[in-house]
Amino acid sequence: MFSGAHVILYSRDAEADRAFLRDVVGFEHVDAGGGWLIFKLPPAEIAVHPTTDEPKHEVYLMCDNLTETLTTLDKRGADISRAITEERWGLLAAVRLPSGTELALYEPRHPTALGKSP
């Protein structure tokens, strides 16, 4: 029924953030025209959390080994904006994109839906 998900990150410096995802993170990509890069993401899952605040959306990149991922990104020049913390559901950290936006990374310690068919 669905073939994938398209995630949009709004940025105050889209060109720099695209270069970061291409050059530092190393995501494969296509050029949709005029330098408008669209990146291939790893398999994804979606969760719905309750809130009493205004509803919002969040993006987390999942890692098998968060420590190793941060070490690699640091060597490539990424700004590690949040060191690893242990949460009840896994390990959490973040990198800062050139625009200043944080991109959260986490190593899940809970069952994931990755590998399941929709």
N, C-alpha and C. Protein backbone atom coordinates (compact mmCIF):
# COMPACT_ATOMS: atom_id res chain seq x y z
N MET A 1 0.80 -1.19 0.00
CA MET A 1 0.00 0.00 0.00
C MET A 1 0.86 1.27 0.00
N PHE A 2 1.84 1.36 0.90
CA PHE A 2 2.76 2.50 0.94
C PHE A 2 4.13 2.03 0.50
N SER A 3 4.86 2.90 -0.16
CA SER A 3 6.20 2.53 -0.64
C SER A 3 7.30 3.17 0.18
N GLY A 4 6.98 4.10 1.07
CA GLY A 4 8.00 4.75 1.88
C GLY A 4 7.42 5.94 2.60
N ALA A 5 8.29 6.69 3.24
CA ALA A 5 7.91 7.91 3.94
C ALA A 5 8.84 9.02 3.48
N HIS A 6 8.32 10.22 3.36
CA HIS A 6 9.12 11.38 2.96
C HIS A 6 9.14 12.35 4.14
N VAL A 7 10.31 12.55 4.71
CA VAL A 7 10.48 13.42 5.87
C VAL A 7 11.01 14.76 5.39
N ILE A 8 10.45 15.84 5.88
CA ILE A 8 10.91 17.19 5.49
C ILE A 8 11.46 17.88 6.73
N LEU A 9 12.69 18.37 6.62
CA LEU A 9 13.29 19.21 7.65
C LEU A 9 13.30 20.64 7.11
N TYR A 10 12.62 21.55 7.77
CA TYR A 10 12.67 22.95 7.37
C TYR A 10 13.90 23.59 7.98
N SER A 11 14.61 24.39 7.19
CA SER A 11 15.90 24.91 7.61
C SER A 11 16.05 26.37 7.23
N ARG A 12 16.77 27.11 8.07
CA ARG A 12 17.11 28.50 7.76
C ARG A 12 18.33 28.56 6.85
N ASP A 13 19.03 27.43 6.66
CA ASP A 13 20.16 27.35 5.74
C ASP A 13 20.13 25.97 5.08
N ALA A 14 19.16 25.78 4.20
CA ALA A 14 18.93 24.47 3.58
C ALA A 14 20.15 23.98 2.81
N GLU A 15 20.84 24.86 2.11
CA GLU A 15 21.99 24.44 1.32
C GLU A 15 23.09 23.84 2.23
N ALA A 16 23.38 24.50 3.34
CA ALA A 16 24.41 24.00 4.27
C ALA A 16 23.96 22.69 4.92
N ASP A 17 22.69 22.60 5.30
CA ASP A 17 22.20 21.37 5.92
C ASP A 17 22.20 20.22 4.92
N ARG A 18 21.87 20.50 3.65
CA ARG A 18 21.94 19.45 2.63
C ARG A 18 23.38 18.97 2.46
N ALA A 19 24.33 19.91 2.43
CA ALA A 19 25.74 19.53 2.31
C ALA A 19 26.18 18.68 3.50
N PHE A 20 25.70 19.00 4.70
CA PHE A 20 26.03 18.23 5.90
C PHE A 20 25.51 16.80 5.77
N LEU A 21 24.26 16.65 5.37
CA LEU A 21 23.68 15.31 5.22
C LEU A 21 24.39 14.52 4.12
N ARG A 22 24.83 15.21 3.08
CA ARG A 22 25.55 14.55 1.98
C ARG A 22 26.98 14.21 2.39
N ASP A 23 27.73 15.20 2.91
CA ASP A 23 29.17 15.05 3.10
C ASP A 23 29.57 14.50 4.46
N VAL A 24 28.88 14.88 5.52
CA VAL A 24 29.25 14.45 6.87
C VAL A 24 28.51 13.17 7.25
N VAL A 25 27.20 13.18 7.09
CA VAL A 25 26.41 12.00 7.43
C VAL A 25 26.61 10.92 6.36
N GLY A 26 26.76 11.32 5.11
CA GLY A 26 27.04 10.37 4.04
C GLY A 26 25.80 9.71 3.45
N PHE A 27 24.64 10.36 3.58
CA PHE A 27 23.43 9.79 3.00
C PHE A 27 23.50 9.82 1.47
N GLU A 28 23.13 8.71 0.84
CA GLU A 28 22.98 8.70 -0.61
C GLU A 28 21.83 9.63 -0.96
N HIS A 29 21.87 10.18 -2.18
CA HIS A 29 20.87 11.16 -2.54
C HIS A 29 20.66 11.22 -4.05
N VAL A 30 19.60 11.88 -4.43
CA VAL A 30 19.36 12.23 -5.83
C VAL A 30 19.18 13.74 -5.87
N ASP A 31 19.48 14.31 -7.03
CA ASP A 31 19.26 15.73 -7.24
C ASP A 31 17.95 15.86 -8.00
N ALA A 32 16.95 16.43 -7.36
CA ALA A 32 15.64 16.59 -7.98
C ALA A 32 15.62 17.79 -8.92
N GLY A 33 16.75 18.45 -9.06
CA GLY A 33 16.86 19.61 -9.95
C GLY A 33 17.31 20.84 -9.19
N GLY A 34 18.27 21.54 -9.77
CA GLY A 34 18.73 22.79 -9.17
C GLY A 34 19.39 22.65 -7.82
N GLY A 35 20.02 21.49 -7.55
CA GLY A 35 20.68 21.28 -6.27
C GLY A 35 19.74 20.89 -5.14
N TRP A 36 18.49 20.60 -5.48
CA TRP A 36 17.50 20.20 -4.48
C TRP A 36 17.71 18.72 -4.20
N LEU A 37 18.49 18.41 -3.17
CA LEU A 37 18.85 17.03 -2.87
C LEU A 37 17.76 16.35 -2.04
N ILE A 38 17.47 15.13 -2.41
CA ILE A 38 16.55 14.28 -1.65
C ILE A 38 17.36 13.06 -1.22
N PHE A 39 17.36 12.79 0.08
CA PHE A 39 18.24 11.78 0.66
C PHE A 39 17.53 10.46 0.91
N LYS A 40 18.26 9.40 0.64
CA LYS A 40 17.78 8.06 0.97
C LYS A 40 17.96 7.88 2.48
N LEU A 41 16.92 7.43 3.14
CA LEU A 41 16.98 7.16 4.57
C LEU A 41 16.99 5.66 4.81
N PRO A 42 17.48 5.27 5.98
CA PRO A 42 17.37 3.86 6.36
C PRO A 42 15.90 3.51 6.60
N PRO A 43 15.60 2.24 6.78
CA PRO A 43 14.21 1.87 7.10
C PRO A 43 13.70 2.71 8.27
N ALA A 44 12.40 2.92 8.29
CA ALA A 44 11.82 3.82 9.29
C ALA A 44 10.66 3.15 10.01
N GLU A 45 10.26 3.77 11.10
CA GLU A 45 9.06 3.37 11.82
C GLU A 45 8.40 4.64 12.32
N ILE A 46 7.15 4.55 12.69
CA ILE A 46 6.41 5.71 13.19
C ILE A 46 5.72 5.31 14.50
N ALA A 47 5.73 6.23 15.44
CA ALA A 47 5.07 6.00 16.73
C ALA A 47 4.15 7.18 17.01
N VAL A 48 3.11 6.94 17.77
CA VAL A 48 2.18 8.00 18.16
C VAL A 48 2.21 8.08 19.69
N HIS A 49 2.62 9.24 20.18
CA HIS A 49 2.72 9.45 21.63
C HIS A 49 1.62 10.39 22.09
N PRO A 50 1.06 10.17 23.26
CA PRO A 50 0.03 11.08 23.76
C PRO A 50 0.66 12.40 24.22
N THR A 51 -0.11 13.47 24.15
CA THR A 51 0.34 14.76 24.65
C THR A 51 -0.85 15.60 25.07
N THR A 52 -0.64 16.44 26.05
CA THR A 52 -1.65 17.42 26.41
C THR A 52 -1.26 18.79 25.86
N ASP A 53 -0.05 18.89 25.29
CA ASP A 53 0.43 20.11 24.65
C ASP A 53 -0.02 20.14 23.20
N GLU A 54 0.40 21.16 22.48
CA GLU A 54 0.12 21.25 21.06
C GLU A 54 0.81 20.07 20.35
N PRO A 55 0.11 19.32 19.51
CA PRO A 55 0.75 18.20 18.80
C PRO A 55 1.92 18.68 17.94
N LYS A 56 2.94 17.85 17.81
CA LYS A 56 4.13 18.18 17.02
C LYS A 56 4.69 16.90 16.43
N HIS A 57 5.68 17.04 15.56
CA HIS A 57 6.37 15.91 14.96
C HIS A 57 7.85 16.01 15.32
N GLU A 58 8.50 14.88 15.49
CA GLU A 58 9.93 14.83 15.78
C GLU A 58 10.59 13.81 14.86
N VAL A 59 11.87 14.03 14.58
CA VAL A 59 12.64 13.11 13.75
C VAL A 59 13.85 12.65 14.57
N TYR A 60 14.03 11.35 14.64
CA TYR A 60 15.20 10.76 15.29
C TYR A 60 15.84 9.81 14.29
N LEU A 61 17.15 9.86 14.15
CA LEU A 61 17.85 8.85 13.37
C LEU A 61 18.28 7.75 14.32
N MET A 62 17.91 6.51 13.99
CA MET A 62 18.21 5.37 14.86
C MET A 62 19.58 4.79 14.51
N CYS A 63 20.29 4.37 15.54
CA CYS A 63 21.64 3.82 15.38
C CYS A 63 21.72 2.46 16.07
N ASP A 64 22.49 1.55 15.49
CA ASP A 64 22.76 0.28 16.15
C ASP A 64 23.76 0.48 17.29
N ASN A 65 24.71 1.42 17.09
CA ASN A 65 25.73 1.69 18.09
C ASN A 65 25.94 3.21 18.12
N LEU A 66 25.28 3.88 19.05
CA LEU A 66 25.31 5.33 19.10
C LEU A 66 26.71 5.88 19.37
N THR A 67 27.45 5.23 20.23
CA THR A 67 28.81 5.70 20.53
C THR A 67 29.67 5.68 19.28
N GLU A 68 29.62 4.60 18.53
CA GLU A 68 30.39 4.48 17.29
C GLU A 68 29.94 5.52 16.26
N THR A 69 28.63 5.72 16.16
CA THR A 69 28.10 6.71 15.22
C THR A 69 28.60 8.10 15.56
N LEU A 70 28.54 8.49 16.83
CA LEU A 70 29.01 9.82 17.23
C LEU A 70 30.50 9.99 17.00
N THR A 71 31.28 8.94 17.23
CA THR A 71 32.71 9.00 16.99
C THR A 71 32.99 9.26 15.51
N THR A 72 32.28 8.55 14.64
CA THR A 72 32.45 8.74 13.20
C THR A 72 32.05 10.14 12.78
N LEU A 73 30.89 10.60 13.26
CA LEU A 73 30.43 11.94 12.89
C LEU A 73 31.36 13.02 13.42
N ASP A 74 31.89 12.84 14.62
CA ASP A 74 32.83 13.79 15.19
C ASP A 74 34.09 13.89 14.32
N LYS A 75 34.60 12.75 13.87
CA LYS A 75 35.79 12.73 13.00
C LYS A 75 35.53 13.43 11.68
N ARG A 76 34.27 13.44 11.24
CA ARG A 76 33.89 14.10 9.98
C ARG A 76 33.54 15.56 10.18
N GLY A 77 33.68 16.06 11.41
CA GLY A 77 33.47 17.47 11.67
C GLY A 77 32.11 17.86 12.21
N ALA A 78 31.29 16.89 12.59
CA ALA A 78 29.97 17.21 13.13
C ALA A 78 30.10 17.84 14.51
N ASP A 79 29.18 18.73 14.84
CA ASP A 79 29.09 19.33 16.16
C ASP A 79 28.15 18.45 16.99
N ILE A 80 28.71 17.73 17.96
CA ILE A 80 27.90 16.90 18.84
C ILE A 80 27.29 17.84 19.87
N SER A 81 26.01 18.13 19.71
CA SER A 81 25.36 19.14 20.54
C SER A 81 24.80 18.59 21.84
N ARG A 82 24.53 17.30 21.90
CA ARG A 82 24.08 16.65 23.13
C ARG A 82 24.81 15.34 23.28
N ALA A 83 25.54 15.21 24.37
CA ALA A 83 26.24 13.96 24.66
C ALA A 83 25.21 12.86 24.96
N ILE A 84 25.67 11.65 24.92
CA ILE A 84 24.79 10.50 25.15
C ILE A 84 24.22 10.54 26.57
N THR A 85 22.91 10.36 26.64
CA THR A 85 22.24 10.16 27.92
C THR A 85 21.46 8.85 27.82
N GLU A 86 21.30 8.22 28.97
CA GLU A 86 20.53 6.98 28.99
C GLU A 86 19.11 7.29 29.43
N GLU A 87 18.18 6.94 28.55
CA GLU A 87 16.76 7.12 28.82
C GLU A 87 16.17 5.74 29.08
N ARG A 88 14.94 5.69 29.56
CA ARG A 88 14.35 4.37 29.85
C ARG A 88 14.15 3.56 28.58
N TRP A 89 14.09 4.22 27.42
CA TRP A 89 13.82 3.56 26.14
C TRP A 89 15.06 3.39 25.27
N GLY A 90 16.21 3.94 25.70
CA GLY A 90 17.44 3.80 24.92
C GLY A 90 18.43 4.91 25.19
N LEU A 91 19.44 4.98 24.34
CA LEU A 91 20.46 6.02 24.45
C LEU A 91 20.11 7.15 23.50
N LEU A 92 20.31 8.39 23.93
CA LEU A 92 19.92 9.57 23.17
C LEU A 92 21.08 10.54 23.08
N ALA A 93 21.26 11.15 21.91
CA ALA A 93 22.26 12.21 21.70
C ALA A 93 21.76 13.07 20.55
N ALA A 94 22.53 14.08 20.17
CA ALA A 94 22.14 14.92 19.04
C ALA A 94 23.36 15.56 18.41
N VAL A 95 23.24 15.87 17.13
CA VAL A 95 24.22 16.66 16.41
C VAL A 95 23.53 17.95 15.96
N ARG A 96 24.34 18.99 15.77
CA ARG A 96 23.80 20.26 15.32
C ARG A 96 24.08 20.41 13.83
N LEU A 97 23.04 20.67 13.07
CA LEU A 97 23.18 20.95 11.65
C LEU A 97 23.78 22.34 11.48
N PRO A 98 24.38 22.63 10.32
CA PRO A 98 24.96 23.97 10.11
C PRO A 98 23.97 25.11 10.35
N SER A 99 22.67 24.87 10.11
CA SER A 99 21.66 25.91 10.33
C SER A 99 21.41 26.17 11.81
N GLY A 100 21.92 25.31 12.68
CA GLY A 100 21.70 25.43 14.11
C GLY A 100 20.65 24.48 14.65
N THR A 101 19.92 23.84 13.76
CA THR A 101 18.90 22.88 14.17
C THR A 101 19.55 21.62 14.72
N GLU A 102 18.99 21.08 15.79
CA GLU A 102 19.48 19.82 16.32
C GLU A 102 18.82 18.64 15.61
N LEU A 103 19.59 17.61 15.37
CA LEU A 103 19.09 16.37 14.81
C LEU A 103 19.36 15.28 15.85
N ALA A 104 18.29 14.73 16.39
CA ALA A 104 18.41 13.73 17.46
C ALA A 104 18.80 12.37 16.89
N LEU A 105 19.64 11.67 17.63
CA LEU A 105 20.07 10.31 17.29
C LEU A 105 19.77 9.43 18.49
N TYR A 106 19.34 8.20 18.22
CA TYR A 106 19.14 7.32 19.37
C TYR A 106 19.37 5.87 19.03
N GLU A 107 19.79 5.15 20.06
CA GLU A 107 19.99 3.71 20.01
C GLU A 107 18.86 3.09 20.83
N PRO A 108 17.87 2.50 20.15
CA PRO A 108 16.72 1.98 20.89
C PRO A 108 17.10 0.80 21.77
N ARG A 109 16.46 0.74 22.91
CA ARG A 109 16.59 -0.39 23.83
C ARG A 109 15.22 -1.02 24.03
N HIS A 110 14.37 -0.87 23.05
CA HIS A 110 13.02 -1.40 23.07
C HIS A 110 12.80 -2.17 21.77
N PRO A 111 11.81 -3.00 21.69
CA PRO A 111 11.52 -3.68 20.42
C PRO A 111 11.23 -2.63 19.34
N THR A 112 11.72 -2.86 18.13
CA THR A 112 11.47 -1.95 17.03
C THR A 112 10.63 -2.67 15.97
N ALA A 113 10.02 -1.86 15.11
CA ALA A 113 9.22 -2.40 14.02
C ALA A 113 10.05 -2.54 12.75
N LEU A 114 11.33 -2.22 12.80
CA LEU A 114 12.19 -2.33 11.62
C LEU A 114 12.20 -3.78 11.14
N GLY A 115 12.10 -3.96 9.83
CA GLY A 115 12.11 -5.30 9.27
C GLY A 115 10.72 -5.92 9.15
N LYS A 116 9.73 -5.29 9.75
CA LYS A 116 8.35 -5.77 9.62
C LYS A 116 7.76 -5.23 8.33
N SER A 117 6.84 -5.95 7.74
CA SER A 117 6.15 -5.47 6.54
C SER A 117 4.93 -4.67 6.97
N PRO A 118 4.69 -3.53 6.26
CA PRO A 118 3.50 -2.74 6.63
C PRO A 118 2.22 -3.46 6.28
